[in-house]
Amino acid sequence: MKKVCILITLALISPVFVFAQNDARDLPLLGTLIPQFGNLVGKLTTIVFAVALLVFFWGVAKYIFLSGSEEAKARGKRIMTGGIIALFIMVSIWGIVEFIRKDFGISDDKTIGVPRVKPQ
């Protein structure tokens, strides 16, 4: 099974190596697939962040409205803790990515280019 996964991965990555001299926008599939994948990841990140925030507020609501029962309060605390941990991890990863992006001088113009070798 590992060999099959490695072969599939190599088959999917090989166009990047084969067309390393060309700009990614010149390639019909790769030039459109990469930006679409980036847009999808951006939208999913926003949705996941919103879900983590809703989970936290759901835990707060359970803790406040079901304060008569110790078991319900404990469940509300667990939900709040899970939401806070998820938010912390997402914000931390976002901060690390932004730090690396700024440190390496990667622009935010939404274009992705394949590295090119300059002719001599």
PDB file of N, CA and C in Angstrom:
ATOM      1  N   MET A   1       0.825  -1.194   0.000  1.00  0.00           N
ATOM      2  CA  MET A   1       0.000   0.000   0.000  1.00  0.00           C
ATOM      3  C   MET A   1       0.869   1.257   0.000  1.00  0.00           C
ATOM      4  N   LYS A   2       1.980   1.211   0.748  1.00  0.00           N
ATOM      5  CA  LYS A   2       2.881   2.362   0.794  1.00  0.00           C
ATOM      6  C   LYS A   2       3.468   2.645  -0.577  1.00  0.00           C
ATOM      7  N   LYS A   3       3.813   1.587  -1.304  1.00  0.00           N
ATOM      8  CA  LYS A   3       4.410   1.766  -2.623  1.00  0.00           C
ATOM      9  C   LYS A   3       3.421   2.420  -3.580  1.00  0.00           C
ATOM     10  N   VAL A   4       2.164   2.043  -3.490  1.00  0.00           N
ATOM     11  CA  VAL A   4       1.138   2.621  -4.351  1.00  0.00           C
ATOM     12  C   VAL A   4       0.978   4.105  -4.040  1.00  0.00           C
ATOM     13  N   CYS A   5       0.949   4.462  -2.752  1.00  0.00           N
ATOM     14  CA  CYS A   5       0.826   5.864  -2.351  1.00  0.00           C
ATOM     15  C   CYS A   5       2.021   6.680  -2.825  1.00  0.00           C
ATOM     16  N   ILE A   6       3.206   6.110  -2.737  1.00  0.00           N
ATOM     17  CA  ILE A   6       4.412   6.812  -3.193  1.00  0.00           C
ATOM     18  C   ILE A   6       4.370   7.014  -4.698  1.00  0.00           C
ATOM     19  N   LEU A   7       3.949   5.998  -5.438  1.00  0.00           N
ATOM     20  CA  LEU A   7       3.862   6.121  -6.896  1.00  0.00           C
ATOM     21  C   LEU A   7       2.835   7.165  -7.313  1.00  0.00           C
ATOM     22  N   ILE A   8       1.692   7.192  -6.646  1.00  0.00           N
ATOM     23  CA  ILE A   8       0.667   8.183  -6.966  1.00  0.00           C
ATOM     24  C   ILE A   8       1.174   9.583  -6.661  1.00  0.00           C
ATOM     25  N   THR A   9       1.842   9.750  -5.526  1.00  0.00           N
ATOM     26  CA  THR A   9       2.394  11.058  -5.160  1.00  0.00           C
ATOM     27  C   THR A   9       3.432  11.516  -6.169  1.00  0.00           C
ATOM     28  N   LEU A  10       4.319  10.630  -6.569  1.00  0.00           N
ATOM     29  CA  LEU A  10       5.330  10.982  -7.560  1.00  0.00           C
ATOM     30  C   LEU A  10       4.702  11.331  -8.904  1.00  0.00           C
ATOM     31  N   ALA A  11       3.656  10.606  -9.271  1.00  0.00           N
ATOM     32  CA  ALA A  11       2.985  10.889 -10.535  1.00  0.00           C
ATOM     33  C   ALA A  11       2.308  12.260 -10.506  1.00  0.00           C
ATOM     34  N   LEU A  12       1.775  12.641  -9.356  1.00  0.00           N
ATOM     35  CA  LEU A  12       1.116  13.933  -9.254  1.00  0.00           C
ATOM     36  C   LEU A  12       2.106  15.087  -9.176  1.00  0.00           C
ATOM     37  N   ILE A  13       3.277  14.852  -8.603  1.00  0.00           N
ATOM     38  CA  ILE A  13       4.271  15.907  -8.426  1.00  0.00           C
ATOM     39  C   ILE A  13       5.182  16.043  -9.640  1.00  0.00           C
ATOM     40  N   SER A  14       5.318  15.022 -10.446  1.00  0.00           N
ATOM     41  CA  SER A  14       6.285  15.037 -11.549  1.00  0.00           C
ATOM     42  C   SER A  14       6.125  16.196 -12.527  1.00  0.00           C
ATOM     43  N   PRO A  15       4.918  16.688 -12.854  1.00  0.00           N
ATOM     44  CA  PRO A  15       4.856  17.834 -13.770  1.00  0.00           C
ATOM     45  C   PRO A  15       5.578  19.070 -13.244  1.00  0.00           C
ATOM     46  N   VAL A  16       5.624  19.241 -11.949  1.00  0.00           N
ATOM     47  CA  VAL A  16       6.328  20.390 -11.386  1.00  0.00           C
ATOM     48  C   VAL A  16       7.810  20.313 -11.721  1.00  0.00           C
ATOM     49  N   PHE A  17       8.385  19.133 -11.660  1.00  0.00           N
ATOM     50  CA  PHE A  17       9.800  18.977 -11.965  1.00  0.00           C
ATOM     51  C   PHE A  17      10.069  19.019 -13.475  1.00  0.00           C
ATOM     52  N   VAL A  18       9.166  18.454 -14.244  1.00  0.00           N
ATOM     53  CA  VAL A  18       9.356  18.406 -15.683  1.00  0.00           C
ATOM     54  C   VAL A  18       9.270  19.800 -16.287  1.00  0.00           C
ATOM     55  N   PHE A  19       8.315  20.597 -15.829  1.00  0.00           N
ATOM     56  CA  PHE A  19       8.107  21.928 -16.376  1.00  0.00           C
ATOM     57  C   PHE A  19       8.705  23.012 -15.484  1.00  0.00           C
ATOM     58  N   ALA A  20       9.810  22.729 -14.849  1.00  0.00           N
ATOM     59  CA  ALA A  20      10.409  23.684 -13.916  1.00  0.00           C
ATOM     60  C   ALA A  20      10.873  24.955 -14.613  1.00  0.00           C
ATOM     61  N   GLN A  21      11.116  24.901 -15.899  1.00  0.00           N
ATOM     62  CA  GLN A  21      11.568  26.081 -16.630  1.00  0.00           C
ATOM     63  C   GLN A  21      10.417  27.010 -16.990  1.00  0.00           C
ATOM     64  N   ASN A  22       9.209  26.519 -16.995  1.00  0.00           N
ATOM     65  CA  ASN A  22       8.060  27.316 -17.407  1.00  0.00           C
ATOM     66  C   ASN A  22       7.398  27.977 -16.214  1.00  0.00           C
ATOM     67  N   ASP A  23       6.674  29.017 -16.503  1.00  0.00           N
ATOM     68  CA  ASP A  23       5.877  29.669 -15.480  1.00  0.00           C
ATOM     69  C   ASP A  23       4.623  28.832 -15.248  1.00  0.00           C
ATOM     70  N   ALA A  24       4.174  28.728 -14.013  1.00  0.00           N
ATOM     71  CA  ALA A  24       3.023  27.879 -13.683  1.00  0.00           C
ATOM     72  C   ALA A  24       1.756  28.357 -14.381  1.00  0.00           C
ATOM     73  N   ARG A  25       1.671  29.660 -14.679  1.00  0.00           N
ATOM     74  CA  ARG A  25       0.465  30.161 -15.340  1.00  0.00           C
ATOM     75  C   ARG A  25       0.390  29.714 -16.785  1.00  0.00           C
ATOM     76  N   ASP A  26       1.518  29.301 -17.373  1.00  0.00           N
ATOM     77  CA  ASP A  26       1.527  28.830 -18.759  1.00  0.00           C
ATOM     78  C   ASP A  26       0.998  27.408 -18.894  1.00  0.00           C
ATOM     79  N   LEU A  27       0.997  26.670 -17.804  1.00  0.00           N
ATOM     80  CA  LEU A  27       0.528  25.287 -17.837  1.00  0.00           C
ATOM     81  C   LEU A  27      -0.976  25.272 -17.631  1.00  0.00           C
ATOM     82  N   PRO A  28      -1.721  24.600 -18.499  1.00  0.00           N
ATOM     83  CA  PRO A  28      -3.178  24.679 -18.405  1.00  0.00           C
ATOM     84  C   PRO A  28      -3.734  24.107 -17.104  1.00  0.00           C
ATOM     85  N   LEU A  29      -3.320  22.941 -16.708  1.00  0.00           N
ATOM     86  CA  LEU A  29      -3.893  22.328 -15.514  1.00  0.00           C
ATOM     87  C   LEU A  29      -3.257  22.875 -14.245  1.00  0.00           C
ATOM     88  N   LEU A  30      -1.948  22.903 -14.208  1.00  0.00           N
ATOM     89  CA  LEU A  30      -1.248  23.332 -13.006  1.00  0.00           C
ATOM     90  C   LEU A  30      -1.458  24.810 -12.726  1.00  0.00           C
ATOM     91  N   GLY A  31      -1.554  25.616 -13.776  1.00  0.00           N
ATOM     92  CA  GLY A  31      -1.737  27.053 -13.613  1.00  0.00           C
ATOM     93  C   GLY A  31      -3.084  27.422 -13.035  1.00  0.00           C
ATOM     94  N   THR A  32      -4.101  26.582 -13.223  1.00  0.00           N
ATOM     95  CA  THR A  32      -5.420  26.870 -12.662  1.00  0.00           C
ATOM     96  C   THR A  32      -5.685  26.083 -11.389  1.00  0.00           C
ATOM     97  N   LEU A  33      -5.055  24.936 -11.258  1.00  0.00           N
ATOM     98  CA  LEU A  33      -5.314  24.077 -10.107  1.00  0.00           C
ATOM     99  C   LEU A  33      -4.728  24.647  -8.818  1.00  0.00           C
ATOM    100  N   ILE A  34      -3.515  25.168  -8.878  1.00  0.00           N
ATOM    101  CA  ILE A  34      -2.864  25.674  -7.677  1.00  0.00           C
ATOM    102  C   ILE A  34      -3.612  26.862  -7.075  1.00  0.00           C
ATOM    103  N   PRO A  35      -3.984  27.889  -7.865  1.00  0.00           N
ATOM    104  CA  PRO A  35      -4.746  28.993  -7.263  1.00  0.00           C
ATOM    105  C   PRO A  35      -6.111  28.562  -6.723  1.00  0.00           C
ATOM    106  N   GLN A  36      -6.764  27.634  -7.410  1.00  0.00           N
ATOM    107  CA  GLN A  36      -8.060  27.158  -6.919  1.00  0.00           C
ATOM    108  C   GLN A  36      -7.902  26.422  -5.596  1.00  0.00           C
ATOM    109  N   PHE A  37      -6.843  25.636  -5.476  1.00  0.00           N
ATOM    110  CA  PHE A  37      -6.582  24.935  -4.218  1.00  0.00           C
ATOM    111  C   PHE A  37      -6.302  25.937  -3.104  1.00  0.00           C
ATOM    112  N   GLY A  38      -5.540  26.988  -3.408  1.00  0.00           N
ATOM    113  CA  GLY A  38      -5.263  28.026  -2.417  1.00  0.00           C
ATOM    114  C   GLY A  38      -6.529  28.735  -1.967  1.00  0.00           C
ATOM    115  N   ASN A  39      -7.421  29.029  -2.907  1.00  0.00           N
ATOM    116  CA  ASN A  39      -8.693  29.661  -2.548  1.00  0.00           C
ATOM    117  C   ASN A  39      -9.538  28.741  -1.684  1.00  0.00           C
ATOM    118  N   LEU A  40      -9.561  27.453  -2.010  1.00  0.00           N
ATOM    119  CA  LEU A  40     -10.328  26.492  -1.222  1.00  0.00           C
ATOM    120  C   LEU A  40      -9.797  26.399   0.205  1.00  0.00           C
ATOM    121  N   VAL A  41      -8.479  26.345   0.347  1.00  0.00           N
ATOM    122  CA  VAL A  41      -7.875  26.275   1.680  1.00  0.00           C
ATOM    123  C   VAL A  41      -8.193  27.534   2.476  1.00  0.00           C
ATOM    124  N   GLY A  42      -8.166  28.692   1.817  1.00  0.00           N
ATOM    125  CA  GLY A  42      -8.503  29.940   2.497  1.00  0.00           C
ATOM    126  C   GLY A  42      -9.936  29.959   3.004  1.00  0.00           C
ATOM    127  N   LYS A  43     -10.859  29.475   2.187  1.00  0.00           N
ATOM    128  CA  LYS A  43     -12.263  29.437   2.601  1.00  0.00           C
ATOM    129  C   LYS A  43     -12.483  28.420   3.712  1.00  0.00           C
ATOM    130  N   LEU A  44     -11.838  27.250   3.601  1.00  0.00           N
ATOM    131  CA  LEU A  44     -11.988  26.237   4.642  1.00  0.00           C
ATOM    132  C   LEU A  44     -11.391  26.695   5.968  1.00  0.00           C
ATOM    133  N   THR A  45     -10.299  27.445   5.907  1.00  0.00           N
ATOM    134  CA  THR A  45      -9.693  27.960   7.130  1.00  0.00           C
ATOM    135  C   THR A  45     -10.655  28.887   7.854  1.00  0.00           C
ATOM    136  N   THR A  46     -11.324  29.752   7.107  1.00  0.00           N
ATOM    137  CA  THR A  46     -12.298  30.660   7.706  1.00  0.00           C
ATOM    138  C   THR A  46     -13.446  29.881   8.339  1.00  0.00           C
ATOM    139  N   ILE A  47     -13.913  28.858   7.655  1.00  0.00           N
ATOM    140  CA  ILE A  47     -15.027  28.061   8.177  1.00  0.00           C
ATOM    141  C   ILE A  47     -14.609  27.319   9.445  1.00  0.00           C
ATOM    142  N   VAL A  48     -13.426  26.726   9.447  1.00  0.00           N
ATOM    143  CA  VAL A  48     -12.963  25.975  10.621  1.00  0.00           C
ATOM    144  C   VAL A  48     -12.760  26.916  11.811  1.00  0.00           C
ATOM    145  N   PHE A  49     -12.239  28.105  11.559  1.00  0.00           N
ATOM    146  CA  PHE A  49     -12.053  29.077  12.629  1.00  0.00           C
ATOM    147  C   PHE A  49     -13.410  29.471  13.217  1.00  0.00           C
ATOM    148  N   ALA A  50     -14.414  29.684  12.362  1.00  0.00           N
ATOM    149  CA  ALA A  50     -15.753  30.038  12.833  1.00  0.00           C
ATOM    150  C   ALA A  50     -16.372  28.896  13.638  1.00  0.00           C
ATOM    151  N   VAL A  51     -16.150  27.661  13.209  1.00  0.00           N
ATOM    152  CA  VAL A  51     -16.689  26.510  13.951  1.00  0.00           C
ATOM    153  C   VAL A  51     -16.042  26.412  15.325  1.00  0.00           C
ATOM    154  N   ALA A  52     -14.729  26.633  15.411  1.00  0.00           N
ATOM    155  CA  ALA A  52     -14.049  26.591  16.711  1.00  0.00           C
ATOM    156  C   ALA A  52     -14.578  27.681  17.639  1.00  0.00           C
ATOM    157  N   LEU A  53     -14.853  28.860  17.089  1.00  0.00           N
ATOM    158  CA  LEU A  53     -15.410  29.944  17.898  1.00  0.00           C
ATOM    159  C   LEU A  53     -16.822  29.597  18.372  1.00  0.00           C
ATOM    160  N   LEU A  54     -17.614  28.988  17.493  1.00  0.00           N
ATOM    161  CA  LEU A  54     -18.964  28.571  17.887  1.00  0.00           C
ATOM    162  C   LEU A  54     -18.923  27.481  18.961  1.00  0.00           C
ATOM    163  N   VAL A  55     -17.963  26.573  18.863  1.00  0.00           N
ATOM    164  CA  VAL A  55     -17.829  25.529  19.883  1.00  0.00           C
ATOM    165  C   VAL A  55     -17.521  26.160  21.234  1.00  0.00           C
ATOM    166  N   PHE A  56     -16.630  27.147  21.228  1.00  0.00           N
ATOM    167  CA  PHE A  56     -16.320  27.823  22.486  1.00  0.00           C
ATOM    168  C   PHE A  56     -17.568  28.477  23.074  1.00  0.00           C
ATOM    169  N   PHE A  57     -18.318  29.223  22.246  1.00  0.00           N
ATOM    170  CA  PHE A  57     -19.518  29.882  22.757  1.00  0.00           C
ATOM    171  C   PHE A  57     -20.601  28.876  23.148  1.00  0.00           C
ATOM    172  N   TRP A  58     -20.648  27.728  22.483  1.00  0.00           N
ATOM    173  CA  TRP A  58     -21.586  26.677  22.883  1.00  0.00           C
ATOM    174  C   TRP A  58     -21.240  26.176  24.284  1.00  0.00           C
ATOM    175  N   GLY A  59     -19.956  26.010  24.566  1.00  0.00           N
ATOM    176  CA  GLY A  59     -19.524  25.608  25.905  1.00  0.00           C
ATOM    177  C   GLY A  59     -19.854  26.652  26.953  1.00  0.00           C
ATOM    178  N   VAL A  60     -19.701  27.930  26.604  1.00  0.00           N
ATOM    179  CA  VAL A  60     -20.054  29.010  27.541  1.00  0.00           C
ATOM    180  C   VAL A  60     -21.546  28.974  27.833  1.00  0.00           C
ATOM    181  N   ALA A  61     -22.363  28.785  26.796  1.00  0.00           N
ATOM    182  CA  ALA A  61     -23.812  28.733  26.987  1.00  0.00           C
ATOM    183  C   ALA A  61     -24.214  27.549  27.861  1.00  0.00           C
ATOM    184  N   LYS A  62     -23.607  26.385  27.605  1.00  0.00           N
ATOM    185  CA  LYS A  62     -23.924  25.213  28.433  1.00  0.00           C
ATOM    186  C   LYS A  62     -23.513  25.448  29.885  1.00  0.00           C
ATOM    187  N   TYR A  63     -22.364  26.070  30.085  1.00  0.00           N
ATOM    188  CA  TYR A  63     -21.869  26.326  31.439  1.00  0.00           C
ATOM    189  C   TYR A  63     -22.795  27.284  32.182  1.00  0.00           C
ATOM    190  N   ILE A  64     -23.278  28.318  31.494  1.00  0.00           N
ATOM    191  CA  ILE A  64     -24.130  29.318  32.151  1.00  0.00           C
ATOM    192  C   ILE A  64     -25.548  28.799  32.361  1.00  0.00           C
ATOM    193  N   PHE A  65     -26.153  28.257  31.310  1.00  0.00           N
ATOM    194  CA  PHE A  65     -27.564  27.888  31.394  1.00  0.00           C
ATOM    195  C   PHE A  65     -27.815  26.596  32.162  1.00  0.00           C
ATOM    196  N   LEU A  66     -26.833  25.710  32.224  1.00  0.00           N
ATOM    197  CA  LEU A  66     -26.998  24.454  32.957  1.00  0.00           C
ATOM    198  C   LEU A  66     -26.143  24.446  34.214  1.00  0.00           C
ATOM    199  N   SER A  67     -26.073  25.594  34.885  1.00  0.00           N
ATOM    200  CA  SER A  67     -25.193  25.709  36.048  1.00  0.00           C
ATOM    201  C   SER A  67     -25.720  24.962  37.261  1.00  0.00           C
ATOM    202  N   GLY A  68     -26.942  24.470  37.224  1.00  0.00           N
ATOM    203  CA  GLY A  68     -27.491  23.744  38.357  1.00  0.00           C
ATOM    204  C   GLY A  68     -26.878  22.360  38.523  1.00  0.00           C
ATOM    205  N   SER A  69     -26.436  21.765  37.457  1.00  0.00           N
ATOM    206  CA  SER A  69     -25.882  20.427  37.485  1.00  0.00           C
ATOM    207  C   SER A  69     -24.358  20.495  37.372  1.00  0.00           C
ATOM    208  N   GLU A  70     -23.677  19.818  38.287  1.00  0.00           N
ATOM    209  CA  GLU A  70     -22.205  19.809  38.253  1.00  0.00           C
ATOM    210  C   GLU A  70     -21.685  19.068  37.025  1.00  0.00           C
ATOM    211  N   GLU A  71     -22.389  18.022  36.613  1.00  0.00           N
ATOM    212  CA  GLU A  71     -21.970  17.272  35.434  1.00  0.00           C
ATOM    213  C   GLU A  71     -22.083  18.126  34.178  1.00  0.00           C
ATOM    214  N   ALA A  72     -23.157  18.914  34.069  1.00  0.00           N
ATOM    215  CA  ALA A  72     -23.339  19.795  32.912  1.00  0.00           C
ATOM    216  C   ALA A  72     -22.305  20.916  32.917  1.00  0.00           C
ATOM    217  N   LYS A  73     -21.970  21.417  34.119  1.00  0.00           N
ATOM    218  CA  LYS A  73     -20.941  22.458  34.204  1.00  0.00           C
ATOM    219  C   LYS A  73     -19.588  21.909  33.764  1.00  0.00           C
ATOM    220  N   ALA A  74     -19.281  20.682  34.173  1.00  0.00           N
ATOM    221  CA  ALA A  74     -18.014  20.064  33.784  1.00  0.00           C
ATOM    222  C   ALA A  74     -17.972  19.838  32.277  1.00  0.00           C
ATOM    223  N   ARG A  75     -19.101  19.413  31.696  1.00  0.00           N
ATOM    224  CA  ARG A  75     -19.168  19.221  30.249  1.00  0.00           C
ATOM    225  C   ARG A  75     -18.981  20.552  29.528  1.00  0.00           C
ATOM    226  N   GLY A  76     -19.596  21.604  30.048  1.00  0.00           N
ATOM    227  CA  GLY A  76     -19.430  22.936  29.462  1.00  0.00           C
ATOM    228  C   GLY A  76     -17.978  23.400  29.539  1.00  0.00           C
ATOM    229  N   LYS A  77     -17.308  23.114  30.668  1.00  0.00           N
ATOM    230  CA  LYS A  77     -15.886  23.481  30.801  1.00  0.00           C
ATOM    231  C   LYS A  77     -15.031  22.739  29.785  1.00  0.00           C
ATOM    232  N   ARG A  78     -15.321  21.446  29.577  1.00  0.00           N
ATOM    233  CA  ARG A  78     -14.555  20.668  28.595  1.00  0.00           C
ATOM    234  C   ARG A  78     -14.746  21.216  27.183  1.00  0.00           C
ATOM    235  N   ILE A  79     -15.990  21.579  26.858  1.00  0.00           N
ATOM    236  CA  ILE A  79     -16.263  22.129  25.533  1.00  0.00           C
ATOM    237  C   ILE A  79     -15.551  23.468  25.361  1.00  0.00           C
ATOM    238  N   MET A  80     -15.602  24.322  26.384  1.00  0.00           N
ATOM    239  CA  MET A  80     -14.908  25.613  26.307  1.00  0.00           C
ATOM    240  C   MET A  80     -13.402  25.415  26.168  1.00  0.00           C
ATOM    241  N   THR A  81     -12.853  24.486  26.923  1.00  0.00           N
ATOM    242  CA  THR A  81     -11.418  24.223  26.858  1.00  0.00           C
ATOM    243  C   THR A  81     -11.018  23.728  25.470  1.00  0.00           C
ATOM    244  N   GLY A  82     -11.810  22.829  24.898  1.00  0.00           N
ATOM    245  CA  GLY A  82     -11.525  22.347  23.547  1.00  0.00           C
ATOM    246  C   GLY A  82     -11.586  23.469  22.521  1.00  0.00           C
ATOM    247  N   GLY A  83     -12.571  24.348  22.659  1.00  0.00           N
ATOM    248  CA  GLY A  83     -12.681  25.483  21.740  1.00  0.00           C
ATOM    249  C   GLY A  83     -11.508  26.440  21.868  1.00  0.00           C
ATOM    250  N   ILE A  84     -11.088  26.718  23.091  1.00  0.00           N
ATOM    251  CA  ILE A  84      -9.952  27.621  23.302  1.00  0.00           C
ATOM    252  C   ILE A  84      -8.669  26.997  22.760  1.00  0.00           C
ATOM    253  N   ILE A  85      -8.479  25.710  22.993  1.00  0.00           N
ATOM    254  CA  ILE A  85      -7.275  25.040  22.479  1.00  0.00           C
ATOM    255  C   ILE A  85      -7.266  25.073  20.956  1.00  0.00           C
ATOM    256  N   ALA A  86      -8.412  24.803  20.314  1.00  0.00           N
ATOM    257  CA  ALA A  86      -8.489  24.833  18.853  1.00  0.00           C
ATOM    258  C   ALA A  86      -8.191  26.233  18.323  1.00  0.00           C
ATOM    259  N   LEU A  87      -8.770  27.252  18.957  1.00  0.00           N
ATOM    260  CA  LEU A  87      -8.503  28.626  18.532  1.00  0.00           C
ATOM    261  C   LEU A  87      -7.034  28.982  18.710  1.00  0.00           C
ATOM    262  N   PHE A  88      -6.445  28.584  19.835  1.00  0.00           N
ATOM    263  CA  PHE A  88      -5.039  28.882  20.096  1.00  0.00           C
ATOM    264  C   PHE A  88      -4.140  28.232  19.049  1.00  0.00           C
ATOM    265  N   ILE A  89      -4.406  26.981  18.727  1.00  0.00           N
ATOM    266  CA  ILE A  89      -3.582  26.282  17.740  1.00  0.00           C
ATOM    267  C   ILE A  89      -3.712  26.952  16.369  1.00  0.00           C
ATOM    268  N   MET A  90      -4.932  27.298  15.970  1.00  0.00           N
ATOM    269  CA  MET A  90      -5.125  27.911  14.661  1.00  0.00           C
ATOM    270  C   MET A  90      -4.468  29.283  14.575  1.00  0.00           C
ATOM    271  N   VAL A  91      -4.606  30.095  15.619  1.00  0.00           N
ATOM    272  CA  VAL A  91      -3.987  31.422  15.605  1.00  0.00           C
ATOM    273  C   VAL A  91      -2.468  31.298  15.649  1.00  0.00           C
ATOM    274  N   SER A  92      -1.948  30.322  16.393  1.00  0.00           N
ATOM    275  CA  SER A  92      -0.497  30.118  16.453  1.00  0.00           C
ATOM    276  C   SER A  92       0.056  29.713  15.096  1.00  0.00           C
ATOM    277  N   ILE A  93      -0.601  28.782  14.423  1.00  0.00           N
ATOM    278  CA  ILE A  93      -0.144  28.351  13.104  1.00  0.00           C
ATOM    279  C   ILE A  93      -0.226  29.513  12.116  1.00  0.00           C
ATOM    280  N   TRP A  94      -1.303  30.289  12.192  1.00  0.00           N
ATOM    281  CA  TRP A  94      -1.437  31.446  11.320  1.00  0.00           C
ATOM    282  C   TRP A  94      -0.297  32.441  11.562  1.00  0.00           C
ATOM    283  N   GLY A  95       0.039  32.675  12.824  1.00  0.00           N
ATOM    284  CA  GLY A  95       1.140  33.580  13.152  1.00  0.00           C
ATOM    285  C   GLY A  95       2.475  33.083  12.639  1.00  0.00           C
ATOM    286  N   ILE A  96       2.722  31.791  12.764  1.00  0.00           N
ATOM    287  CA  ILE A  96       3.979  31.218  12.279  1.00  0.00           C
ATOM    288  C   ILE A  96       4.064  31.335  10.757  1.00  0.00           C
ATOM    289  N   VAL A  97       2.962  31.051  10.067  1.00  0.00           N
ATOM    290  CA  VAL A  97       2.949  31.154   8.610  1.00  0.00           C
ATOM    291  C   VAL A  97       3.177  32.605   8.179  1.00  0.00           C
ATOM    292  N   GLU A  98       2.533  33.556   8.847  1.00  0.00           N
ATOM    293  CA  GLU A  98       2.732  34.965   8.505  1.00  0.00           C
ATOM    294  C   GLU A  98       4.165  35.403   8.777  1.00  0.00           C
ATOM    295  N   PHE A  99       4.754  34.932   9.873  1.00  0.00           N
ATOM    296  CA  PHE A  99       6.143  35.262  10.176  1.00  0.00           C
ATOM    297  C   PHE A  99       7.074  34.741   9.092  1.00  0.00           C
ATOM    298  N   ILE A 100       6.875  33.496   8.689  1.00  0.00           N
ATOM    299  CA  ILE A 100       7.716  32.905   7.642  1.00  0.00           C
ATOM    300  C   ILE A 100       7.495  33.626   6.316  1.00  0.00           C
ATOM    301  N   ARG A 101       6.236  33.957   6.018  1.00  0.00           N
ATOM    302  CA  ARG A 101       5.925  34.652   4.767  1.00  0.00           C
ATOM    303  C   ARG A 101       6.628  36.003   4.710  1.00  0.00           C
ATOM    304  N   LYS A 102       6.582  36.756   5.796  1.00  0.00           N
ATOM    305  CA  LYS A 102       7.227  38.065   5.817  1.00  0.00           C
ATOM    306  C   LYS A 102       8.744  37.935   5.876  1.00  0.00           C
ATOM    307  N   ASP A 103       9.245  36.936   6.584  1.00  0.00           N
ATOM    308  CA  ASP A 103      10.687  36.760   6.714  1.00  0.00           C
ATOM    309  C   ASP A 103      11.331  36.408   5.377  1.00  0.00           C
ATOM    310  N   PHE A 104      10.663  35.596   4.572  1.00  0.00           N
ATOM    311  CA  PHE A 104      11.188  35.216   3.265  1.00  0.00           C
ATOM    312  C   PHE A 104      10.757  36.169   2.159  1.00  0.00           C
ATOM    313  N   GLY A 105       9.972  37.171   2.503  1.00  0.00           N
ATOM    314  CA  GLY A 105       9.570  38.166   1.515  1.00  0.00           C
ATOM    315  C   GLY A 105       8.584  37.655   0.487  1.00  0.00           C
ATOM    316  N   ILE A 106       7.722  36.737   0.879  1.00  0.00           N
ATOM    317  CA  ILE A 106       6.715  36.211  -0.040  1.00  0.00           C
ATOM    318  C   ILE A 106       5.585  37.231  -0.124  1.00  0.00           C
ATOM    319  N   SER A 107       5.268  37.652  -1.345  1.00  0.00           N
ATOM    320  CA  SER A 107       4.251  38.679  -1.518  1.00  0.00           C
ATOM    321  C   SER A 107       2.859  38.092  -1.335  1.00  0.00           C
ATOM    322  N   ASP A 108       1.913  38.979  -1.164  1.00  0.00           N
ATOM    323  CA  ASP A 108       0.527  38.570  -0.949  1.00  0.00           C
ATOM    324  C   ASP A 108      -0.324  38.919  -2.172  1.00  0.00           C
ATOM    325  N   ASP A 109       0.255  38.791  -3.367  1.00  0.00           N
ATOM    326  CA  ASP A 109      -0.470  39.175  -4.573  1.00  0.00           C
ATOM    327  C   ASP A 109      -1.237  38.020  -5.209  1.00  0.00           C
ATOM    328  N   LYS A 110      -1.315  36.909  -4.524  1.00  0.00           N
ATOM    329  CA  LYS A 110      -2.119  35.756  -4.931  1.00  0.00           C
ATOM    330  C   LYS A 110      -1.621  35.085  -6.207  1.00  0.00           C
ATOM    331  N   THR A 111      -0.392  35.323  -6.624  1.00  0.00           N
ATOM    332  CA  THR A 111       0.145  34.623  -7.785  1.00  0.00           C
ATOM    333  C   THR A 111       1.201  33.645  -7.317  1.00  0.00           C
ATOM    334  N   ILE A 112       1.201  32.495  -7.934  1.00  0.00           N
ATOM    335  CA  ILE A 112       2.163  31.462  -7.579  1.00  0.00           C
ATOM    336  C   ILE A 112       2.999  31.173  -8.813  1.00  0.00           C
ATOM    337  N   GLY A 113       4.293  31.288  -8.664  1.00  0.00           N
ATOM    338  CA  GLY A 113       5.177  31.025  -9.778  1.00  0.00           C
ATOM    339  C   GLY A 113       6.105  29.860  -9.454  1.00  0.00           C
ATOM    340  N   VAL A 114       6.446  29.131 -10.500  1.00  0.00           N
ATOM    341  CA  VAL A 114       7.392  28.032 -10.344  1.00  0.00           C
ATOM    342  C   VAL A 114       8.797  28.614 -10.485  1.00  0.00           C
ATOM    343  N   PRO A 115       9.759  28.232  -9.642  1.00  0.00           N
ATOM    344  CA  PRO A 115      11.121  28.768  -9.774  1.00  0.00           C
ATOM    345  C   PRO A 115      11.688  28.481 -11.153  1.00  0.00           C
ATOM    346  N   ARG A 116      12.413  29.437 -11.680  1.00  0.00           N
ATOM    347  CA  ARG A 116      12.973  29.298 -13.024  1.00  0.00           C
ATOM    348  C   ARG A 116      14.483  29.411 -12.950  1.00  0.00           C
ATOM    349  N   VAL A 117      15.149  28.753 -13.869  1.00  0.00           N
ATOM    350  CA  VAL A 117      16.602  28.837 -13.993  1.00  0.00           C
ATOM    351  C   VAL A 117      16.889  29.881 -15.063  1.00  0.00           C
ATOM    352  N   LYS A 118      17.719  30.866 -14.732  1.00  0.00           N
ATOM    353  CA  LYS A 118      18.037  31.925 -15.684  1.00  0.00           C
ATOM    354  C   LYS A 118      19.017  31.403 -16.724  1.00  0.00           C
ATOM    355  N   PRO A 119      18.745  31.669 -17.994  1.00  0.00           N
ATOM    356  CA  PRO A 119      19.695  31.228 -19.028  1.00  0.00           C
ATOM    357  C   PRO A 119      20.982  32.044 -18.944  1.00  0.00           C
ATOM    358  N   GLN A 120      22.063  31.432 -19.321  1.00  0.00           N
ATOM    359  CA  GLN A 120      23.359  32.116 -19.247  1.00  0.00           C
ATOM    360  C   GLN A 120      23.679  32.863 -20.513  1.00  0.00           C
TER     361      GLN A 120
END
